[in-house]
């Protein structure tokens, strides 16, 4: 009886480890089902509201992040530099911080010296729900027509960012 319980425990631990590895391993891939740029309107950090569909016609990089997320914070300088140097692509940074997130987001950006044009506040996590996001940060790469071309879960590297940008600007 003890042998059976030990075997069951080992199988359970292996299953949990496998699921954890799958969820935490960064990936860059497009899904098999067609995913489009969501038709969502969100508050902009600088004031007003922004519809994601206003960016159709240009490639869009949509980064879902939060101020409490260490990998999100680490990748922000790379994304900000790239966004400020790539005028052929729209970079949208949708904060997933809950509640009154504007002061938190503004404080983080100011303290980090980051200046980004399209910082949106998604305190209800609408984009996470619509895109079925499994973790943060997640970066989506949409072509000019708003079709998902690539998706990266986890902290992005310069190589993955450049390769994904190449795919949406062809």
N, C-alpha and C. Protein backbone atom coordinates (compact mmCIF):
# COMPACT_ATOMS: atom_id res chain seq x y z
N UNK A 1 0.83 -1.19 0.00
CA UNK A 1 0.00 0.00 0.00
C UNK A 1 0.87 1.26 0.00
N UNK A 2 1.95 1.25 0.80
CA UNK A 2 2.84 2.41 0.83
C UNK A 2 3.48 2.63 -0.53
N UNK A 3 3.81 1.55 -1.22
CA UNK A 3 4.44 1.65 -2.53
C UNK A 3 3.51 2.34 -3.52
N UNK A 4 2.25 2.01 -3.48
CA UNK A 4 1.27 2.61 -4.36
C UNK A 4 1.13 4.10 -4.06
N UNK A 5 1.08 4.47 -2.80
CA UNK A 5 0.97 5.88 -2.42
C UNK A 5 2.21 6.66 -2.84
N UNK A 6 3.38 6.07 -2.69
CA UNK A 6 4.61 6.73 -3.10
C UNK A 6 4.64 6.90 -4.61
N UNK A 7 4.23 5.89 -5.35
CA UNK A 7 4.19 5.98 -6.81
C UNK A 7 3.21 7.06 -7.25
N UNK A 8 2.05 7.10 -6.64
CA UNK A 8 1.06 8.12 -6.98
C UNK A 8 1.59 9.51 -6.68
N UNK A 9 2.28 9.67 -5.56
CA UNK A 9 2.86 10.96 -5.19
C UNK A 9 3.92 11.38 -6.19
N UNK A 10 4.76 10.46 -6.61
CA UNK A 10 5.80 10.77 -7.60
C UNK A 10 5.18 11.19 -8.93
N UNK A 11 4.14 10.47 -9.37
CA UNK A 11 3.46 10.84 -10.61
C UNK A 11 2.82 12.22 -10.51
N UNK A 12 2.21 12.49 -9.37
CA UNK A 12 1.60 13.80 -9.16
C UNK A 12 2.64 14.90 -9.20
N UNK A 13 3.77 14.71 -8.55
CA UNK A 13 4.84 15.70 -8.55
C UNK A 13 5.40 15.92 -9.95
N UNK A 14 5.56 14.86 -10.71
CA UNK A 14 6.04 14.99 -12.09
C UNK A 14 5.05 15.76 -12.95
N UNK A 15 3.77 15.48 -12.77
CA UNK A 15 2.74 16.18 -13.53
C UNK A 15 2.74 17.67 -13.19
N UNK A 16 2.82 18.00 -11.92
CA UNK A 16 2.84 19.40 -11.49
C UNK A 16 4.09 20.10 -12.03
N UNK A 17 5.24 19.42 -11.95
CA UNK A 17 6.48 20.00 -12.48
C UNK A 17 6.38 20.23 -13.98
N UNK A 18 5.80 19.30 -14.69
CA UNK A 18 5.64 19.45 -16.14
C UNK A 18 4.74 20.61 -16.50
N UNK A 19 3.65 20.75 -15.80
CA UNK A 19 2.73 21.86 -16.06
C UNK A 19 3.41 23.18 -15.73
N UNK A 20 4.12 23.24 -14.61
CA UNK A 20 4.84 24.45 -14.23
C UNK A 20 5.89 24.82 -15.27
N UNK A 21 6.63 23.84 -15.75
CA UNK A 21 7.64 24.09 -16.78
C UNK A 21 6.99 24.66 -18.03
N UNK A 22 5.88 24.07 -18.46
CA UNK A 22 5.18 24.53 -19.66
C UNK A 22 4.70 25.97 -19.50
N UNK A 23 4.13 26.31 -18.35
CA UNK A 23 3.60 27.65 -18.14
C UNK A 23 4.68 28.70 -17.99
N UNK A 24 5.85 28.33 -17.47
CA UNK A 24 6.91 29.29 -17.21
C UNK A 24 7.93 29.39 -18.33
N UNK A 25 7.91 28.48 -19.28
CA UNK A 25 8.87 28.51 -20.37
C UNK A 25 8.45 29.55 -21.40
N UNK A 26 9.33 30.54 -21.68
CA UNK A 26 8.99 31.54 -22.69
C UNK A 26 8.76 30.88 -24.04
N UNK A 27 7.82 31.42 -24.79
CA UNK A 27 7.54 30.87 -26.11
C UNK A 27 7.22 31.99 -27.08
N UNK A 28 7.55 31.78 -28.32
CA UNK A 28 7.18 32.70 -29.38
C UNK A 28 6.51 31.86 -30.46
N UNK A 29 5.22 32.08 -30.62
CA UNK A 29 4.50 31.31 -31.63
C UNK A 29 3.17 31.98 -31.92
N UNK A 30 2.68 31.76 -33.09
CA UNK A 30 1.32 32.18 -33.41
C UNK A 30 0.41 31.01 -33.08
N UNK A 31 -0.80 31.31 -32.72
CA UNK A 31 -1.72 30.23 -32.42
C UNK A 31 -2.28 29.67 -33.72
N UNK A 32 -2.82 28.46 -33.66
CA UNK A 32 -3.37 27.86 -34.86
C UNK A 32 -4.69 28.52 -35.25
N UNK A 33 -5.47 28.95 -34.28
CA UNK A 33 -6.72 29.66 -34.57
C UNK A 33 -6.38 31.10 -34.92
N UNK A 34 -7.15 31.69 -35.82
CA UNK A 34 -6.93 33.09 -36.21
C UNK A 34 -7.26 33.99 -35.02
N UNK A 35 -6.31 34.83 -34.64
CA UNK A 35 -6.50 35.80 -33.57
C UNK A 35 -6.28 37.18 -34.18
N UNK A 36 -7.20 38.07 -33.91
CA UNK A 36 -7.11 39.43 -34.43
C UNK A 36 -6.87 40.43 -33.31
N UNK A 37 -6.34 41.59 -33.68
CA UNK A 37 -6.18 42.67 -32.73
C UNK A 37 -7.54 42.97 -32.12
N UNK A 38 -7.66 42.87 -30.81
CA UNK A 38 -8.98 43.05 -30.19
C UNK A 38 -9.56 44.45 -30.43
N UNK A 39 -10.86 44.50 -30.61
CA UNK A 39 -11.57 45.76 -30.76
C UNK A 39 -11.91 46.25 -29.35
N UNK A 40 -10.90 46.85 -28.70
CA UNK A 40 -11.00 47.27 -27.31
C UNK A 40 -10.61 48.74 -27.22
N UNK A 41 -11.31 49.48 -26.38
CA UNK A 41 -10.97 50.87 -26.08
C UNK A 41 -10.59 50.95 -24.61
N UNK A 42 -9.42 51.53 -24.34
CA UNK A 42 -8.89 51.62 -22.98
C UNK A 42 -8.43 53.04 -22.67
N UNK A 43 -8.41 53.40 -21.38
CA UNK A 43 -7.87 54.71 -21.00
C UNK A 43 -6.36 54.78 -21.28
N UNK A 44 -5.94 55.94 -21.72
CA UNK A 44 -4.51 56.19 -21.97
C UNK A 44 -3.92 56.86 -20.73
N UNK A 45 -2.70 56.50 -20.38
CA UNK A 45 -2.05 57.07 -19.20
C UNK A 45 -2.03 58.59 -19.28
N UNK A 46 -1.80 59.13 -20.45
CA UNK A 46 -1.72 60.59 -20.62
C UNK A 46 -3.08 61.27 -20.71
N UNK A 47 -4.15 60.49 -20.63
CA UNK A 47 -5.50 61.06 -20.71
C UNK A 47 -6.21 60.63 -21.98
N UNK A 48 -7.51 60.59 -21.93
CA UNK A 48 -8.33 60.18 -23.07
C UNK A 48 -8.42 58.68 -23.16
N UNK A 49 -9.05 58.23 -24.24
CA UNK A 49 -9.20 56.80 -24.49
C UNK A 49 -8.63 56.45 -25.85
N UNK A 50 -8.20 55.21 -25.99
CA UNK A 50 -7.59 54.74 -27.22
C UNK A 50 -8.25 53.44 -27.65
N UNK A 51 -8.67 53.39 -28.91
CA UNK A 51 -9.17 52.16 -29.49
C UNK A 51 -8.01 51.47 -30.20
N UNK A 52 -7.79 50.20 -29.90
CA UNK A 52 -6.71 49.48 -30.57
C UNK A 52 -6.92 49.43 -32.08
N UNK A 53 -8.16 49.46 -32.52
CA UNK A 53 -8.43 49.41 -33.95
C UNK A 53 -7.99 50.67 -34.69
N UNK A 54 -7.71 51.75 -33.97
CA UNK A 54 -7.21 52.95 -34.64
C UNK A 54 -5.82 52.71 -35.22
N UNK A 55 -5.14 51.64 -34.78
CA UNK A 55 -3.80 51.35 -35.27
C UNK A 55 -3.78 50.42 -36.47
N UNK A 56 -4.94 49.92 -36.89
CA UNK A 56 -4.99 49.06 -38.07
C UNK A 56 -4.39 49.82 -39.26
N UNK A 57 -3.65 49.10 -40.09
CA UNK A 57 -2.94 49.71 -41.20
C UNK A 57 -1.44 49.79 -40.93
N UNK A 58 -1.07 49.63 -39.67
CA UNK A 58 0.35 49.58 -39.28
C UNK A 58 0.56 48.32 -38.45
N UNK A 59 1.75 47.75 -38.49
CA UNK A 59 2.04 46.63 -37.59
C UNK A 59 1.96 47.12 -36.14
N UNK A 60 1.48 46.24 -35.26
CA UNK A 60 1.30 46.59 -33.85
C UNK A 60 1.99 45.57 -32.95
N UNK A 61 2.75 46.08 -31.99
CA UNK A 61 3.31 45.26 -30.92
C UNK A 61 2.50 45.63 -29.69
N UNK A 62 1.82 44.64 -29.12
CA UNK A 62 0.99 44.84 -27.93
C UNK A 62 1.62 44.10 -26.77
N UNK A 63 2.11 44.86 -25.79
CA UNK A 63 2.78 44.27 -24.63
C UNK A 63 1.87 44.38 -23.42
N UNK A 64 1.52 43.22 -22.83
CA UNK A 64 0.76 43.18 -21.59
C UNK A 64 1.76 43.02 -20.45
N UNK A 65 1.69 43.92 -19.49
CA UNK A 65 2.68 43.97 -18.43
C UNK A 65 2.04 44.51 -17.17
N UNK A 66 2.80 44.52 -16.06
CA UNK A 66 2.34 45.10 -14.81
C UNK A 66 3.54 45.60 -14.02
N UNK A 67 3.32 46.61 -13.20
CA UNK A 67 4.41 47.19 -12.42
C UNK A 67 4.96 46.23 -11.37
N UNK A 68 4.13 45.28 -10.94
CA UNK A 68 4.56 44.33 -9.89
C UNK A 68 5.29 43.12 -10.46
N UNK A 69 5.43 43.04 -11.77
CA UNK A 69 5.99 41.88 -12.46
C UNK A 69 7.48 42.12 -12.78
N UNK A 70 8.43 41.43 -12.09
CA UNK A 70 9.86 41.65 -12.33
C UNK A 70 10.29 41.47 -13.79
N UNK A 71 9.88 40.40 -14.51
CA UNK A 71 10.32 40.29 -15.90
C UNK A 71 9.76 41.41 -16.78
N UNK A 72 8.56 41.89 -16.45
CA UNK A 72 7.97 43.01 -17.19
C UNK A 72 8.84 44.25 -17.02
N UNK A 73 9.24 44.49 -15.81
CA UNK A 73 10.06 45.67 -15.49
C UNK A 73 11.42 45.59 -16.18
N UNK A 74 11.98 44.38 -16.22
CA UNK A 74 13.31 44.20 -16.84
C UNK A 74 13.27 44.41 -18.34
N UNK A 75 12.19 44.00 -19.01
CA UNK A 75 12.15 44.10 -20.47
C UNK A 75 11.74 45.50 -20.97
N UNK A 76 11.19 46.32 -20.10
CA UNK A 76 10.68 47.62 -20.52
C UNK A 76 11.72 48.52 -21.20
N UNK A 77 12.95 48.63 -20.68
CA UNK A 77 13.91 49.50 -21.38
C UNK A 77 14.18 49.07 -22.83
N UNK A 78 14.28 47.77 -23.07
CA UNK A 78 14.47 47.27 -24.43
C UNK A 78 13.27 47.63 -25.31
N UNK A 79 12.08 47.41 -24.81
CA UNK A 79 10.88 47.72 -25.59
C UNK A 79 10.75 49.22 -25.84
N UNK A 80 11.05 50.02 -24.83
CA UNK A 80 10.97 51.48 -24.99
C UNK A 80 11.96 51.98 -26.04
N UNK A 81 13.22 51.51 -25.97
CA UNK A 81 14.23 51.91 -26.96
C UNK A 81 13.79 51.53 -28.37
N UNK A 82 13.31 50.30 -28.50
CA UNK A 82 12.89 49.83 -29.82
C UNK A 82 11.70 50.63 -30.32
N UNK A 83 10.72 50.87 -29.45
CA UNK A 83 9.54 51.65 -29.84
C UNK A 83 9.93 53.04 -30.30
N UNK A 84 10.86 53.66 -29.62
CA UNK A 84 11.27 55.02 -29.97
C UNK A 84 12.13 55.08 -31.23
N UNK A 85 12.68 53.93 -31.65
CA UNK A 85 13.50 53.89 -32.86
C UNK A 85 12.77 53.31 -34.07
N UNK A 86 11.62 52.68 -33.87
CA UNK A 86 10.89 52.03 -34.96
C UNK A 86 9.57 52.75 -35.20
N UNK A 87 9.57 53.72 -36.09
CA UNK A 87 8.37 54.50 -36.37
C UNK A 87 7.45 53.81 -37.38
N UNK A 88 7.90 52.67 -37.89
CA UNK A 88 7.07 51.90 -38.82
C UNK A 88 6.16 50.92 -38.09
N UNK A 89 6.28 50.85 -36.78
CA UNK A 89 5.51 49.91 -35.95
C UNK A 89 4.93 50.69 -34.77
N UNK A 90 3.69 50.38 -34.40
CA UNK A 90 3.07 50.98 -33.21
C UNK A 90 3.30 50.04 -32.04
N UNK A 91 3.88 50.56 -30.97
CA UNK A 91 4.07 49.80 -29.73
C UNK A 91 3.04 50.27 -28.72
N UNK A 92 2.24 49.33 -28.23
CA UNK A 92 1.22 49.63 -27.22
C UNK A 92 1.56 48.85 -25.97
N UNK A 93 1.61 49.56 -24.83
CA UNK A 93 1.95 48.96 -23.55
C UNK A 93 0.72 49.00 -22.66
N UNK A 94 0.06 47.87 -22.47
CA UNK A 94 -1.19 47.81 -21.72
C UNK A 94 -0.91 47.30 -20.31
N UNK A 95 -0.93 48.21 -19.35
CA UNK A 95 -0.70 47.83 -17.95
C UNK A 95 -1.87 47.00 -17.45
N UNK A 96 -1.54 45.88 -16.81
CA UNK A 96 -2.55 44.99 -16.25
C UNK A 96 -2.69 45.20 -14.74
N UNK A 97 -2.14 46.30 -14.23
CA UNK A 97 -2.28 46.62 -12.81
C UNK A 97 -3.75 46.87 -12.50
N UNK A 98 -4.20 46.37 -11.35
CA UNK A 98 -5.61 46.49 -10.95
C UNK A 98 -5.87 47.82 -10.25
N UNK A 99 -7.14 48.18 -10.20
CA UNK A 99 -7.57 49.36 -9.44
C UNK A 99 -7.14 50.66 -10.10
N UNK A 100 -6.85 51.65 -9.29
CA UNK A 100 -6.41 52.95 -9.78
C UNK A 100 -4.93 52.87 -10.12
N UNK A 101 -4.62 52.36 -11.29
CA UNK A 101 -3.24 52.03 -11.65
C UNK A 101 -2.43 53.23 -12.15
N UNK A 102 -3.08 54.30 -12.55
CA UNK A 102 -2.36 55.42 -13.17
C UNK A 102 -1.20 55.92 -12.30
N UNK A 103 -1.39 56.17 -11.00
CA UNK A 103 -0.24 56.64 -10.21
C UNK A 103 0.90 55.63 -10.14
N UNK A 104 0.57 54.34 -10.02
CA UNK A 104 1.60 53.30 -9.98
C UNK A 104 2.40 53.26 -11.29
N UNK A 105 1.68 53.27 -12.40
CA UNK A 105 2.31 53.18 -13.71
C UNK A 105 3.16 54.42 -13.97
N UNK A 106 2.59 55.60 -13.70
CA UNK A 106 3.32 56.85 -13.91
C UNK A 106 4.58 56.88 -13.05
N UNK A 107 4.48 56.46 -11.79
CA UNK A 107 5.63 56.44 -10.90
C UNK A 107 6.72 55.51 -11.41
N UNK A 108 6.32 54.29 -11.82
CA UNK A 108 7.30 53.34 -12.35
C UNK A 108 8.01 53.90 -13.58
N UNK A 109 7.25 54.46 -14.53
CA UNK A 109 7.85 54.98 -15.75
C UNK A 109 8.79 56.15 -15.43
N UNK A 110 8.35 57.06 -14.55
CA UNK A 110 9.18 58.20 -14.19
C UNK A 110 10.47 57.76 -13.51
N UNK A 111 10.36 56.86 -12.53
CA UNK A 111 11.54 56.38 -11.80
C UNK A 111 12.51 55.64 -12.72
N UNK A 112 11.97 54.99 -13.75
CA UNK A 112 12.81 54.22 -14.68
C UNK A 112 13.32 55.07 -15.83
N UNK A 113 12.83 56.29 -15.94
CA UNK A 113 13.23 57.16 -17.04
C UNK A 113 12.69 56.72 -18.38
N UNK A 114 11.55 56.04 -18.37
CA UNK A 114 10.96 55.51 -19.59
C UNK A 114 9.92 56.48 -20.16
N UNK A 115 10.01 56.72 -21.46
CA UNK A 115 9.05 57.60 -22.14
C UNK A 115 8.46 56.81 -23.31
N UNK A 116 7.15 56.52 -23.20
CA UNK A 116 6.48 55.73 -24.24
C UNK A 116 5.16 56.41 -24.59
N UNK A 117 4.85 56.42 -25.86
CA UNK A 117 3.67 57.14 -26.33
C UNK A 117 2.36 56.46 -25.97
N UNK A 118 2.25 55.17 -26.20
CA UNK A 118 0.97 54.49 -26.06
C UNK A 118 0.95 53.57 -24.85
N UNK A 119 0.81 54.16 -23.67
CA UNK A 119 0.68 53.40 -22.43
C UNK A 119 -0.80 53.42 -22.05
N UNK A 120 -1.41 52.24 -22.03
CA UNK A 120 -2.83 52.12 -21.73
C UNK A 120 -3.03 51.45 -20.39
N UNK A 121 -4.18 51.72 -19.78
CA UNK A 121 -4.51 51.17 -18.46
C UNK A 121 -5.65 50.17 -18.62
N UNK A 122 -5.32 48.91 -18.41
CA UNK A 122 -6.30 47.82 -18.54
C UNK A 122 -6.54 47.20 -17.16
N UNK A 123 -7.10 48.00 -16.26
CA UNK A 123 -7.26 47.56 -14.86
C UNK A 123 -8.28 46.44 -14.69
N UNK A 124 -9.11 46.22 -15.70
CA UNK A 124 -10.08 45.11 -15.65
C UNK A 124 -9.55 43.87 -16.38
N UNK A 125 -8.31 43.94 -16.87
CA UNK A 125 -7.67 42.83 -17.57
C UNK A 125 -8.49 42.34 -18.76
N UNK A 126 -9.08 43.26 -19.48
CA UNK A 126 -9.90 42.94 -20.65
C UNK A 126 -9.06 42.24 -21.71
N UNK A 127 -7.86 42.74 -21.95
CA UNK A 127 -7.01 42.14 -22.98
C UNK A 127 -6.57 40.74 -22.60
N UNK A 128 -6.26 40.52 -21.33
CA UNK A 128 -5.89 39.17 -20.89
C UNK A 128 -7.03 38.19 -21.18
N UNK A 129 -8.25 38.62 -20.94
CA UNK A 129 -9.41 37.76 -21.17
C UNK A 129 -9.63 37.53 -22.66
N UNK A 130 -9.62 38.60 -23.44
CA UNK A 130 -9.89 38.47 -24.88
C UNK A 130 -8.82 37.66 -25.60
N UNK A 131 -7.57 37.82 -25.17
CA UNK A 131 -6.46 37.12 -25.83
C UNK A 131 -6.07 35.82 -25.12
N UNK A 132 -6.76 35.51 -24.04
CA UNK A 132 -6.51 34.30 -23.26
C UNK A 132 -5.04 34.21 -22.85
N UNK A 133 -4.56 35.30 -22.29
CA UNK A 133 -3.17 35.41 -21.86
C UNK A 133 -2.94 34.55 -20.62
N UNK A 134 -1.85 33.78 -20.63
CA UNK A 134 -1.57 32.86 -19.52
C UNK A 134 -0.56 33.39 -18.52
N UNK A 135 0.12 34.46 -18.83
CA UNK A 135 1.12 34.99 -17.90
C UNK A 135 1.64 36.34 -18.37
N UNK A 136 2.38 37.00 -17.50
CA UNK A 136 2.96 38.29 -17.83
C UNK A 136 4.47 38.21 -17.69
N UNK A 137 5.18 38.93 -18.52
CA UNK A 137 4.70 39.71 -19.64
C UNK A 137 4.35 38.81 -20.83
N UNK A 138 3.46 39.30 -21.66
CA UNK A 138 3.16 38.65 -22.93
C UNK A 138 3.16 39.73 -24.00
N UNK A 139 3.87 39.46 -25.08
CA UNK A 139 3.98 40.41 -26.17
C UNK A 139 3.39 39.79 -27.43
N UNK A 140 2.44 40.52 -28.02
CA UNK A 140 1.74 40.08 -29.23
C UNK A 140 2.23 40.91 -30.40
N UNK A 141 2.39 40.26 -31.55
CA UNK A 141 2.85 40.92 -32.77
C UNK A 141 1.78 40.76 -33.84
N UNK A 142 1.13 41.88 -34.20
CA UNK A 142 0.05 41.88 -35.19
C UNK A 142 0.53 42.54 -36.47
N UNK A 143 0.12 41.98 -37.62
CA UNK A 143 0.47 42.59 -38.91
C UNK A 143 -0.43 43.80 -39.18
N UNK A 144 -0.26 44.42 -40.35
CA UNK A 144 -1.01 45.62 -40.72
C UNK A 144 -2.52 45.41 -40.72
N UNK A 145 -2.94 44.19 -41.00
CA UNK A 145 -4.36 43.88 -41.04
C UNK A 145 -4.92 43.51 -39.66
N UNK A 146 -4.06 43.50 -38.65
CA UNK A 146 -4.50 43.19 -37.31
C UNK A 146 -4.53 41.70 -37.00
N UNK A 147 -3.86 40.89 -37.83
CA UNK A 147 -3.79 39.44 -37.58
C UNK A 147 -2.57 39.12 -36.73
N UNK A 148 -2.76 38.24 -35.75
CA UNK A 148 -1.66 37.82 -34.90
C UNK A 148 -0.67 37.00 -35.72
N UNK A 149 0.59 37.42 -35.68
CA UNK A 149 1.66 36.74 -36.39
C UNK A 149 2.56 35.98 -35.42
N UNK A 150 2.80 36.57 -34.25
CA UNK A 150 3.66 35.94 -33.25
C UNK A 150 3.23 36.39 -31.86
N UNK A 151 3.58 35.56 -30.89
CA UNK A 151 3.27 35.83 -29.49
C UNK A 151 4.45 35.34 -28.67
N UNK A 152 4.87 36.15 -27.70
CA UNK A 152 5.97 35.74 -26.83
C UNK A 152 5.52 35.87 -25.38
N UNK A 153 5.58 34.77 -24.66
CA UNK A 153 5.24 34.76 -23.23
C UNK A 153 6.55 34.74 -22.45
N UNK A 154 6.71 35.69 -21.54
CA UNK A 154 7.93 35.78 -20.76
C UNK A 154 8.75 36.98 -21.19
N UNK A 155 9.85 37.19 -20.49
CA UNK A 155 10.73 38.33 -20.80
C UNK A 155 11.32 38.16 -22.19
N UNK A 156 11.18 39.18 -23.00
CA UNK A 156 11.62 39.09 -24.39
C UNK A 156 13.10 39.46 -24.51
N UNK A 157 13.76 38.82 -25.47
CA UNK A 157 15.17 39.11 -25.73
C UNK A 157 15.26 40.00 -26.98
N UNK A 158 16.39 40.68 -27.16
CA UNK A 158 16.55 41.49 -28.38
C UNK A 158 16.41 40.66 -29.65
N UNK A 159 16.91 39.42 -29.63
CA UNK A 159 16.85 38.57 -30.82
C UNK A 159 15.40 38.19 -31.17
N UNK A 160 14.63 37.81 -30.17
CA UNK A 160 13.23 37.44 -30.41
C UNK A 160 12.44 38.66 -30.85
N UNK A 161 12.71 39.80 -30.23
CA UNK A 161 12.01 41.03 -30.60
C UNK A 161 12.28 41.39 -32.06
N UNK A 162 13.54 41.36 -32.45
CA UNK A 162 13.89 41.71 -33.84
C UNK A 162 13.30 40.72 -34.84
N UNK A 163 13.37 39.43 -34.53
CA UNK A 163 12.81 38.42 -35.44
C UNK A 163 11.31 38.59 -35.58
N UNK A 164 10.63 38.89 -34.49
CA UNK A 164 9.18 39.07 -34.54
C UNK A 164 8.81 40.35 -35.28
N UNK A 165 9.59 41.41 -35.09
CA UNK A 165 9.35 42.64 -35.83
C UNK A 165 9.53 42.43 -37.33
N UNK A 166 10.53 41.64 -37.69
CA UNK A 166 10.76 41.34 -39.10
C UNK A 166 9.54 40.64 -39.71
N UNK A 167 8.95 39.75 -38.93
CA UNK A 167 7.78 38.99 -39.42
C UNK A 167 6.58 39.89 -39.67
N UNK A 168 6.38 40.93 -38.85
CA UNK A 168 5.18 41.76 -39.03
C UNK A 168 5.40 42.94 -39.95
N UNK A 169 6.64 43.20 -40.34
CA UNK A 169 6.90 44.35 -41.22
C UNK A 169 7.25 43.93 -42.64
N UNK A 170 7.17 42.66 -42.94
CA UNK A 170 7.50 42.18 -44.29
C UNK A 170 6.50 42.68 -45.31
